[in-house]
């Protein structure tokens, strides 16, 4: 038997390290070649790391939340034959600890000047799944049982199993004073334990027990990246948001006609491809909106190509797949690419290059959308267009209120480089194009 060490492979151009987000195996597990060992998170996508050999897991490089260097030791297996590593798992744990792994907290630029205990200990540590214990939940008194119930009506019996009744009788406890946390208020053993431990000290007068527990949830993987990205955008960019009501009757009529005529052959069109077309048309006159701002270099880069990011909710969190060169696509091509990218993002199969490089972004909550939102700009872009819920509202036509399909656009801009006036003109351009959709298809 030998030892085989698998290193973190190259997971993308320019990526030097990645966050470990999940293990699919544990120490002692048998794995086959190509089995997924774990998942790491780059700044854009989750990447599964497969096993290149079959064997038994004897060492893991860390726990979810740790950062692992590309090329660093990822996992060690006991394999048939000589393997590729002569070091023992314990020795590897000691020697690897300081060099390749750092916890999420230690991943900050501040260097850890304390020597790694594993590397200096005379006694090799045991192979383990983690050197850092998982965060323990904040201790709190049990929320069960200590809260006495409202006095029961005469003759009313509390719900409890015979075993619980016997225990209460043996302890001399009146079960009518014990709160029950089971179905329909049934008193459980845990409730009786809590009552015995804490007594009837919790305030009376309420039929429901007060809840005092707390939980700590470690922010990992995609959620951490989203948090970092949002914090970066919000802290760097002074936002200005403009909300405008759009009459959707014309574009909805056109969409219905196109879907009726071509939907079966080309696929159904949603509103988003029309909005993408409106943005493509609008940025011809407002190129400053289709741009990146490098505030360190003090430089704005306007783009001729319109790469539209579509903020998409996935099971792992918010991602932004990018429809590239929307300026060169028809409505149906945009719709097809939008559908393909959304499905890839939701299934976690979107490639890294499909999740980066946008020049302007659309965000939509779909049917859940509110009347208005305050979109956060996708750094380093300078503008984002937010789509809100469409509904039929009464609109005054000068003589009477008429029912009209309307929708609000909430658009945010980087106020360092986009003045409020220019932002308002851009939004009015979008409004004009959507309310008269034929203008979107007029070539200059």
Protein backbone atom coordinates (compact mmCIF):
# COMPACT_ATOMS: atom_id res chain seq x y z
CA UNK A 1 0.00 0.00 0.00
CA UNK A 2 1.22 3.50 -0.72
CA UNK A 3 0.16 7.06 -0.29
CA UNK A 4 -1.08 9.21 -3.12
CA UNK A 5 -1.40 12.97 -2.80
CA UNK A 6 -3.77 14.91 -5.04
CA UNK A 7 -3.10 18.60 -5.44
CA UNK A 8 -5.59 21.33 -6.27
CA UNK A 9 -5.53 21.50 -10.07
CA UNK A 10 -5.42 24.63 -12.18
CA UNK A 11 -9.05 25.79 -12.23
CA UNK A 12 -8.79 28.79 -14.46
CA UNK A 13 -6.44 31.28 -15.98
CA UNK A 14 -4.91 33.52 -13.37
CA UNK A 15 -6.46 31.77 -10.37
CA UNK A 16 -3.87 31.32 -7.62
CA UNK A 17 -6.10 30.03 -4.84
CA UNK A 18 -9.66 29.03 -4.15
CA UNK A 19 -11.96 28.65 -1.19
CA UNK A 20 -12.83 25.14 -0.11
CA UNK A 21 -16.61 25.06 0.19
CA UNK A 22 -17.53 21.40 0.52
CA UNK A 23 -16.09 17.94 1.02
CA UNK A 24 -17.82 15.02 -0.67
CA UNK A 25 -15.65 12.53 1.22
CA UNK A 26 -14.35 12.04 4.74
CA UNK A 27 -11.31 10.38 6.21
CA UNK A 28 -11.77 6.63 5.94
CA UNK A 29 -14.01 6.77 2.85
CA UNK A 30 -13.18 4.63 -0.16
CA UNK A 31 -13.22 6.57 -3.43
CA UNK A 32 -13.01 5.55 -7.05
CA UNK A 33 -11.24 7.34 -9.80
CA UNK A 34 -13.29 10.32 -11.07
CA UNK A 35 -15.36 10.49 -7.88
CA UNK A 36 -15.86 14.08 -6.77
CA UNK A 37 -13.71 14.73 -3.72
CA UNK A 38 -14.78 18.25 -2.91
CA UNK A 39 -15.77 21.64 -4.29
CA UNK A 40 -13.83 24.87 -4.35
CA UNK A 41 -15.06 28.35 -5.13
CA UNK A 42 -13.30 30.86 -7.33
CA UNK A 43 -14.44 34.44 -7.50
CA UNK A 44 -17.08 33.40 -10.04
CA UNK A 45 -17.90 29.73 -10.01
CA UNK A 46 -17.89 26.54 -7.99
CA UNK A 47 -15.52 23.89 -9.30
CA UNK A 48 -15.67 20.19 -8.41
CA UNK A 49 -12.36 18.44 -7.83
CA UNK A 50 -12.36 14.79 -9.00
CA UNK A 51 -10.13 12.00 -7.79
CA UNK A 52 -7.47 10.86 -10.22
CA UNK A 53 -6.98 7.49 -8.50
CA UNK A 54 -8.90 4.97 -6.42
CA UNK A 55 -8.09 4.53 -2.75
CA UNK A 56 -9.04 5.32 0.82
CA UNK A 57 -9.01 8.86 2.17
CA UNK A 58 -6.43 9.34 4.92
CA UNK A 59 -5.98 13.11 4.98
CA UNK A 60 -7.89 16.26 4.03
CA UNK A 61 -6.30 19.64 3.65
CA UNK A 62 -8.80 21.59 5.72
CA UNK A 63 -12.42 22.44 6.31
CA UNK A 64 -14.97 24.46 4.33
CA UNK A 65 -14.00 28.09 4.47
CA UNK A 66 -10.27 27.45 4.19
CA UNK A 67 -8.33 28.80 1.24
CA UNK A 68 -6.25 26.35 -0.77
CA UNK A 69 -3.49 27.31 -3.18
CA UNK A 70 -3.60 26.00 -6.73
CA UNK A 71 -0.97 23.25 -6.81
CA UNK A 72 -1.18 22.85 -3.05
CA UNK A 73 -1.86 19.49 -1.43
CA UNK A 74 -5.59 18.87 -1.46
CA UNK A 75 -6.16 15.31 -0.28
CA UNK A 76 -4.20 12.15 0.43
CA UNK A 77 -5.31 8.61 -0.35
CA UNK A 78 -4.01 5.21 0.59
CA UNK A 79 -3.72 3.32 -2.68
CA UNK A 80 -2.64 -0.02 -4.02
CA UNK A 81 1.01 0.06 -5.05
CA UNK A 82 3.68 2.60 -4.29
CA UNK A 83 1.63 5.80 -4.65
CA UNK A 84 3.35 9.09 -5.33
CA UNK A 85 4.19 10.26 -1.81
CA UNK A 86 6.37 8.61 0.79
CA UNK A 87 5.40 10.89 3.68
CA UNK A 88 3.04 9.60 6.33
CA UNK A 89 -0.33 11.29 6.67
CA UNK A 90 0.62 12.60 10.11
CA UNK A 91 3.87 14.06 8.86
CA UNK A 92 2.05 15.61 5.94
CA UNK A 93 -0.50 17.18 8.21
CA UNK A 94 2.32 18.76 10.15
CA UNK A 95 4.35 19.91 7.20
CA UNK A 96 1.44 21.17 5.13
CA UNK A 97 -0.34 23.13 7.77
CA UNK A 98 1.62 26.35 7.57
CA UNK A 99 2.27 26.43 3.87
CA UNK A 100 -0.82 25.93 1.83
CA UNK A 101 -3.90 26.48 3.89
CA UNK A 102 -5.40 29.38 5.67
CA UNK A 103 -8.76 29.72 7.20
CA UNK A 104 -11.35 32.11 5.93
CA UNK A 105 -10.54 34.48 8.74
CA UNK A 106 -6.79 34.13 8.17
CA UNK A 107 -7.23 34.73 4.48
CA UNK A 108 -7.17 38.45 5.19
CA UNK A 109 -3.98 40.27 4.14
CA UNK A 110 -2.73 40.36 7.74
CA UNK A 111 -0.01 37.76 8.09
CA UNK A 112 -0.18 35.16 10.83
CA UNK A 113 3.15 35.46 12.64
CA UNK A 114 2.51 32.66 15.09
CA UNK A 115 4.20 29.39 14.24
CA UNK A 116 1.91 26.61 13.17
CA UNK A 117 1.45 24.33 16.12
CA UNK A 118 1.30 21.27 13.93
CA UNK A 119 4.66 22.07 12.36
CA UNK A 120 6.41 22.58 15.69
CA UNK A 121 4.86 19.83 17.74
CA UNK A 122 7.04 16.88 18.65
CA UNK A 123 4.01 14.65 18.47
CA UNK A 124 2.59 14.30 14.97
CA UNK A 125 -1.06 15.07 14.99
CA UNK A 126 -3.55 12.48 13.96
CA UNK A 127 -4.94 12.69 10.45
CA UNK A 128 -8.12 14.63 10.70
CA UNK A 129 -10.72 16.28 8.61
CA UNK A 130 -10.00 19.61 10.18
CA UNK A 131 -7.55 21.37 12.45
CA UNK A 132 -10.02 24.08 13.24
CA UNK A 133 -13.04 23.04 15.19
CA UNK A 134 -16.36 23.93 13.68
CA UNK A 135 -17.97 26.94 15.30
CA UNK A 136 -20.08 25.84 18.17
CA UNK A 137 -23.56 27.19 18.47
CA UNK A 138 -23.98 29.86 21.06
CA UNK A 139 -25.14 28.16 24.18
CA UNK A 140 -28.48 29.14 25.52
CA UNK A 141 -30.89 27.66 27.97
CA UNK A 142 -33.19 25.20 26.34
CA UNK A 143 -36.32 26.84 25.05
CA UNK A 144 -38.37 23.85 26.07
CA UNK A 145 -40.38 23.09 29.08
CA UNK A 146 -39.18 25.80 31.44
CA UNK A 147 -42.03 28.02 30.41
CA UNK A 148 -45.13 27.07 32.35
CA UNK A 149 -48.33 26.91 30.40
CA UNK A 150 -51.47 28.83 31.02
CA UNK A 151 -53.45 27.11 33.79
CA UNK A 152 -55.56 24.41 32.23
CA UNK A 153 -59.24 24.34 32.65
CA UNK A 154 -60.63 22.18 35.39
CA UNK A 155 -60.60 18.60 34.27
CA UNK A 156 -58.35 19.30 31.29
CA UNK A 157 -55.33 17.04 31.08
CA UNK A 158 -52.06 18.00 29.46
CA UNK A 159 -50.93 15.92 26.50
CA UNK A 160 -48.05 13.62 27.40
CA UNK A 161 -46.98 10.02 26.94
CA UNK A 162 -47.36 7.52 29.81
CA UNK A 163 -43.60 7.51 30.29
CA UNK A 164 -43.53 11.29 30.71
CA UNK A 165 -46.47 11.10 33.15
CA UNK A 166 -44.70 8.46 35.23
CA UNK A 167 -41.53 10.53 35.38
CA UNK A 168 -43.49 13.62 36.39
CA UNK A 169 -45.37 11.68 39.05
CA UNK A 170 -42.15 10.22 40.44
CA UNK A 171 -40.63 13.71 40.56
CA UNK A 172 -43.74 15.25 42.11
CA UNK A 173 -44.26 17.63 39.19
CA UNK A 174 -47.68 18.81 38.10
CA UNK A 175 -47.62 18.43 34.33
CA UNK A 176 -50.21 21.18 34.00
CA UNK A 177 -47.42 23.61 34.82
CA UNK A 178 -45.01 22.29 32.17
CA UNK A 179 -45.00 23.79 28.72
CA UNK A 180 -45.16 21.33 25.86
CA UNK A 181 -43.19 21.81 22.65
CA UNK A 182 -44.56 18.79 20.79
CA UNK A 183 -47.46 18.68 18.35
CA UNK A 184 -50.58 20.31 19.79
CA UNK A 185 -48.59 21.23 22.89
CA UNK A 186 -47.66 17.65 23.79
CA UNK A 187 -45.16 17.53 26.65
CA UNK A 188 -41.97 15.74 25.66
CA UNK A 189 -39.21 14.30 27.79
CA UNK A 190 -37.06 17.30 26.83
CA UNK A 191 -39.75 19.65 28.13
CA UNK A 192 -39.79 17.82 31.44
CA UNK A 193 -35.98 17.87 31.58
CA UNK A 194 -35.97 21.60 30.96
CA UNK A 195 -38.63 22.19 33.61
CA UNK A 196 -36.65 20.16 36.14
CA UNK A 197 -33.46 22.04 35.26
CA UNK A 198 -34.81 25.57 35.09
CA UNK A 199 -38.00 25.39 37.07
CA UNK A 200 -41.04 27.55 36.47
CA UNK A 201 -38.93 30.72 36.46
CA UNK A 202 -39.91 31.87 33.03
CA UNK A 203 -42.59 34.48 33.01
CA UNK A 204 -46.13 33.31 33.19
CA UNK A 205 -49.03 34.66 31.28
CA UNK A 206 -48.30 33.46 27.77
CA UNK A 207 -49.41 30.29 26.14
CA UNK A 208 -46.30 30.30 23.94
CA UNK A 209 -42.80 29.76 25.24
CA UNK A 210 -40.25 32.52 24.59
CA UNK A 211 -37.48 31.47 22.25
CA UNK A 212 -33.98 32.30 23.38
CA UNK A 213 -31.71 30.21 21.16
CA UNK A 214 -29.33 31.60 18.57
CA UNK A 215 -27.34 30.02 15.79
CA UNK A 216 -24.16 31.01 14.01
CA UNK A 217 -24.04 30.30 10.30
CA UNK A 218 -20.64 30.46 8.67
CA UNK A 219 -20.68 32.43 5.43
CA UNK A 220 -19.01 30.27 2.82
CA UNK A 221 -18.59 29.83 -0.89
CA UNK A 222 -20.98 31.64 -3.16
CA UNK A 223 -22.61 33.54 -0.32
CA UNK A 224 -19.23 34.87 0.80
CA UNK A 225 -18.41 35.95 -2.74
CA UNK A 226 -21.78 37.66 -3.08
CA UNK A 227 -21.23 39.43 0.23
CA UNK A 228 -17.77 40.60 -0.81
CA UNK A 229 -19.01 41.74 -4.20
CA UNK A 230 -21.96 43.65 -2.78
CA UNK A 231 -19.80 45.27 -0.12
CA UNK A 232 -17.29 46.28 -2.75
CA UNK A 233 -19.97 47.79 -4.98
CA UNK A 234 -21.76 49.58 -2.17
CA UNK A 235 -18.63 50.91 -0.47
CA UNK A 236 -16.94 52.04 -3.68
CA UNK A 237 -19.83 53.37 -5.70
CA UNK A 238 -22.06 56.28 -4.70
CA UNK A 239 -25.36 55.17 -6.22
CA UNK A 240 -28.07 57.31 -7.70
CA UNK A 241 -31.29 55.48 -8.53
CA UNK A 242 -34.04 56.65 -10.86
CA UNK A 243 -37.44 54.95 -11.03
CA UNK A 244 -39.62 55.49 -14.09
CA UNK A 245 -43.02 54.09 -15.03
CA UNK A 246 -43.15 52.45 -18.46
CA UNK A 247 -46.28 51.80 -20.51
CA UNK A 248 -45.88 48.21 -21.65
CA UNK A 249 -48.94 47.96 -23.91
CA UNK A 250 -47.07 48.34 -27.21
CA UNK A 251 -44.22 45.97 -26.44
CA UNK A 252 -46.59 43.43 -24.97
CA UNK A 253 -48.73 43.58 -28.10
CA UNK A 254 -45.66 43.09 -30.28
CA UNK A 255 -44.41 40.26 -28.10
CA UNK A 256 -47.79 38.53 -28.34
CA UNK A 257 -47.83 38.84 -32.12
CA UNK A 258 -44.30 37.52 -32.50
CA UNK A 259 -44.92 34.61 -30.17
CA UNK A 260 -48.11 33.73 -32.00
CA UNK A 261 -46.38 33.83 -35.37
CA UNK A 262 -43.00 32.34 -34.51
CA UNK A 263 -43.12 31.04 -30.97
CA UNK A 264 -43.50 27.39 -31.91
CA UNK A 265 -40.55 27.45 -34.28
CA UNK A 266 -38.25 29.95 -32.59
CA UNK A 267 -39.28 29.80 -28.98
CA UNK A 268 -41.33 32.14 -26.82
CA UNK A 269 -40.07 35.63 -26.16
CA UNK A 270 -40.14 37.17 -22.71
CA UNK A 271 -39.79 40.85 -21.94
CA UNK A 272 -36.05 40.61 -21.27
CA UNK A 273 -34.91 40.27 -24.91
CA UNK A 274 -36.85 43.46 -25.73
CA UNK A 275 -35.21 45.21 -22.80
CA UNK A 276 -31.81 44.02 -24.00
CA UNK A 277 -32.60 45.39 -27.45
CA UNK A 278 -33.67 48.70 -25.91
CA UNK A 279 -30.37 48.92 -24.00
CA UNK A 280 -28.36 48.08 -27.13
CA UNK A 281 -30.15 50.87 -28.97
CA UNK A 282 -29.95 53.35 -26.12
CA UNK A 283 -26.21 53.03 -25.52
CA UNK A 284 -25.55 54.14 -29.09
CA UNK A 285 -26.46 57.62 -27.90
CA UNK A 286 -25.29 57.05 -24.34
CA UNK A 287 -22.00 55.13 -24.58
CA UNK A 288 -21.04 56.34 -21.12
CA UNK A 289 -23.58 53.88 -19.69
CA UNK A 290 -21.93 50.85 -21.27
CA UNK A 291 -18.62 51.14 -19.49
CA UNK A 292 -16.31 50.20 -16.66
CA UNK A 293 -14.79 52.66 -14.21
CA UNK A 294 -11.32 51.88 -12.84
CA UNK A 295 -11.21 54.23 -9.89
CA UNK A 296 -7.64 53.26 -8.99
CA UNK A 297 -6.41 54.28 -12.42
CA UNK A 298 -8.95 57.09 -12.76
CA UNK A 299 -10.04 55.75 -16.13
CA UNK A 300 -13.38 54.98 -17.78
CA UNK A 301 -13.43 52.32 -20.47
CA UNK A 302 -16.44 52.55 -22.78
CA UNK A 303 -17.23 49.44 -24.77
CA UNK A 304 -18.57 49.17 -28.31
CA UNK A 305 -19.69 45.65 -27.61
CA UNK A 306 -22.72 45.32 -25.36
CA UNK A 307 -22.20 42.40 -22.99
CA UNK A 308 -25.38 42.28 -20.92
CA UNK A 309 -25.14 40.67 -17.50
CA UNK A 310 -28.37 39.09 -16.28
CA UNK A 311 -28.59 38.86 -12.51
CA UNK A 312 -29.92 35.36 -11.91
CA UNK A 313 -30.99 33.66 -8.72
CA UNK A 314 -29.60 30.14 -8.39
CA UNK A 315 -29.78 27.58 -5.60
CA UNK A 316 -26.27 28.64 -4.60
CA UNK A 317 -27.05 32.35 -4.67
CA UNK A 318 -27.00 35.31 -7.01
CA UNK A 319 -24.90 34.98 -10.16
CA UNK A 320 -24.61 37.12 -13.27
CA UNK A 321 -24.29 35.15 -16.51
CA UNK A 322 -23.37 37.33 -19.44
CA UNK A 323 -25.04 37.49 -22.86
CA UNK A 324 -22.12 38.55 -25.01
CA UNK A 325 -22.47 40.80 -28.02
CA UNK A 326 -26.14 41.48 -27.57
CA UNK A 327 -25.68 44.20 -30.18
CA UNK A 328 -25.19 41.49 -32.81
CA UNK A 329 -28.13 39.29 -31.85
CA UNK A 330 -31.74 39.11 -32.90
CA UNK A 331 -34.52 38.93 -30.31
CA UNK A 332 -34.67 35.15 -30.58
CA UNK A 333 -30.90 34.75 -30.42
CA UNK A 334 -30.84 36.83 -27.26
CA UNK A 335 -33.72 34.81 -25.82
CA UNK A 336 -32.03 31.50 -26.61
CA UNK A 337 -28.70 32.58 -25.17
CA UNK A 338 -30.42 34.00 -22.12
CA UNK A 339 -32.23 30.71 -21.53
CA UNK A 340 -29.10 28.64 -22.03
CA UNK A 341 -27.02 30.75 -19.65
CA UNK A 342 -29.72 30.86 -16.99
CA UNK A 343 -30.03 27.08 -17.03
CA UNK A 344 -26.25 26.66 -16.88
CA UNK A 345 -26.01 29.07 -13.96
CA UNK A 346 -28.83 27.40 -12.02
CA UNK A 347 -27.33 23.95 -12.53
CA UNK A 348 -23.85 25.18 -11.57
CA UNK A 349 -22.46 24.34 -15.00
CA UNK A 350 -21.78 27.86 -16.24
CA UNK A 351 -18.17 28.36 -17.24
CA UNK A 352 -16.11 31.06 -15.59
CA UNK A 353 -15.95 33.13 -18.77
CA UNK A 354 -19.76 33.00 -18.98
CA UNK A 355 -20.01 34.66 -15.59
CA UNK A 356 -17.72 37.61 -16.17
CA UNK A 357 -17.09 40.44 -18.58
CA UNK A 358 -20.45 42.19 -18.59
CA UNK A 359 -20.52 45.88 -19.51
CA UNK A 360 -24.02 46.64 -18.23
CA UNK A 361 -26.41 44.53 -16.16
CA UNK A 362 -30.14 43.83 -15.95
CA UNK A 363 -31.60 42.65 -12.67
CA UNK A 364 -35.10 41.27 -12.35
CA UNK A 365 -37.12 39.57 -9.66
CA UNK A 366 -39.64 38.40 -12.22
CA UNK A 367 -43.18 37.93 -10.93
CA UNK A 368 -41.91 38.58 -7.39
CA UNK A 369 -40.67 42.01 -8.35
CA UNK A 370 -41.91 44.93 -6.31
CA UNK A 371 -43.14 48.35 -7.38
CA UNK A 372 -39.61 49.71 -7.13
CA UNK A 373 -36.18 48.44 -6.14
CA UNK A 374 -32.74 49.92 -5.54
CA UNK A 375 -30.36 47.84 -7.67
CA UNK A 376 -26.70 47.67 -6.66
CA UNK A 377 -24.31 48.24 -9.54
CA UNK A 378 -22.25 45.27 -10.67
CA UNK A 379 -18.73 46.64 -10.05
CA UNK A 380 -16.84 47.90 -12.07
CA UNK A 381 -19.79 48.75 -14.31
CA UNK A 382 -21.46 52.16 -14.05
CA UNK A 383 -25.12 51.36 -14.67
CA UNK A 384 -27.69 48.69 -13.89
CA UNK A 385 -31.28 48.39 -15.10
CA UNK A 386 -33.77 46.91 -12.66
CA UNK A 387 -37.02 45.34 -13.88
CA UNK A 388 -40.01 45.47 -11.58
CA UNK A 389 -43.35 43.71 -11.63
CA UNK A 390 -45.70 44.39 -14.50
CA UNK A 391 -49.32 45.05 -13.63
CA UNK A 392 -52.45 46.70 -14.95
CA UNK A 393 -52.86 50.16 -13.46
CA UNK A 394 -55.25 53.04 -14.10
CA UNK A 395 -53.65 55.70 -16.28
CA UNK A 396 -55.20 59.12 -16.85
CA UNK A 397 -55.45 59.91 -20.58
CA UNK A 398 -56.69 63.46 -20.11
CA UNK A 399 -60.34 62.55 -20.02
CA UNK A 400 -60.63 59.32 -18.06
CA UNK A 401 -58.62 56.62 -16.37
CA UNK A 402 -57.72 53.76 -18.67
CA UNK A 403 -56.41 50.33 -17.66
CA UNK A 404 -52.84 49.97 -18.98
CA UNK A 405 -50.11 47.41 -18.53
CA UNK A 406 -47.30 49.26 -16.84
CA UNK A 407 -43.99 48.43 -15.27
CA UNK A 408 -41.44 50.44 -13.36
CA UNK A 409 -37.76 50.45 -14.25
CA UNK A 410 -35.38 51.08 -11.37
CA UNK A 411 -32.00 52.11 -12.75
CA UNK A 412 -28.90 52.82 -10.63
CA UNK A 413 -25.83 54.73 -11.77
CA UNK A 414 -22.33 55.41 -10.52
CA UNK A 415 -22.71 59.03 -9.49
CA UNK A 416 -18.96 59.58 -9.63
CA UNK A 417 -19.04 59.39 -13.41
CA UNK A 418 -22.73 59.65 -14.33
CA UNK A 419 -24.55 62.87 -13.54
CA UNK A 420 -28.18 62.78 -12.52
CA UNK A 421 -29.23 64.61 -15.66
CA UNK A 422 -27.49 62.11 -17.95
CA UNK A 423 -28.95 59.23 -15.96
CA UNK A 424 -32.45 60.68 -16.35
CA UNK A 425 -31.97 61.18 -20.10
CA UNK A 426 -30.84 57.56 -20.47
CA UNK A 427 -33.88 56.30 -18.58
CA UNK A 428 -36.16 58.45 -20.75
CA UNK A 429 -34.50 56.95 -23.82
CA UNK A 430 -35.28 53.46 -22.56
CA UNK A 431 -38.85 54.52 -21.86
CA UNK A 432 -39.31 55.93 -25.34
CA UNK A 433 -37.91 52.82 -27.00
CA UNK A 434 -40.00 50.39 -24.97
CA UNK A 435 -43.19 52.38 -25.42
CA UNK A 436 -42.57 52.59 -29.18
CA UNK A 437 -40.72 49.31 -29.80
CA UNK A 438 -40.45 49.83 -33.57
CA UNK A 439 -37.74 52.39 -32.78
CA UNK A 440 -35.53 49.59 -31.43
CA UNK A 441 -35.24 48.11 -34.88
CA UNK A 442 -34.51 51.27 -36.82
CA UNK A 443 -30.93 51.09 -38.04
CA UNK A 444 -29.05 54.33 -38.31
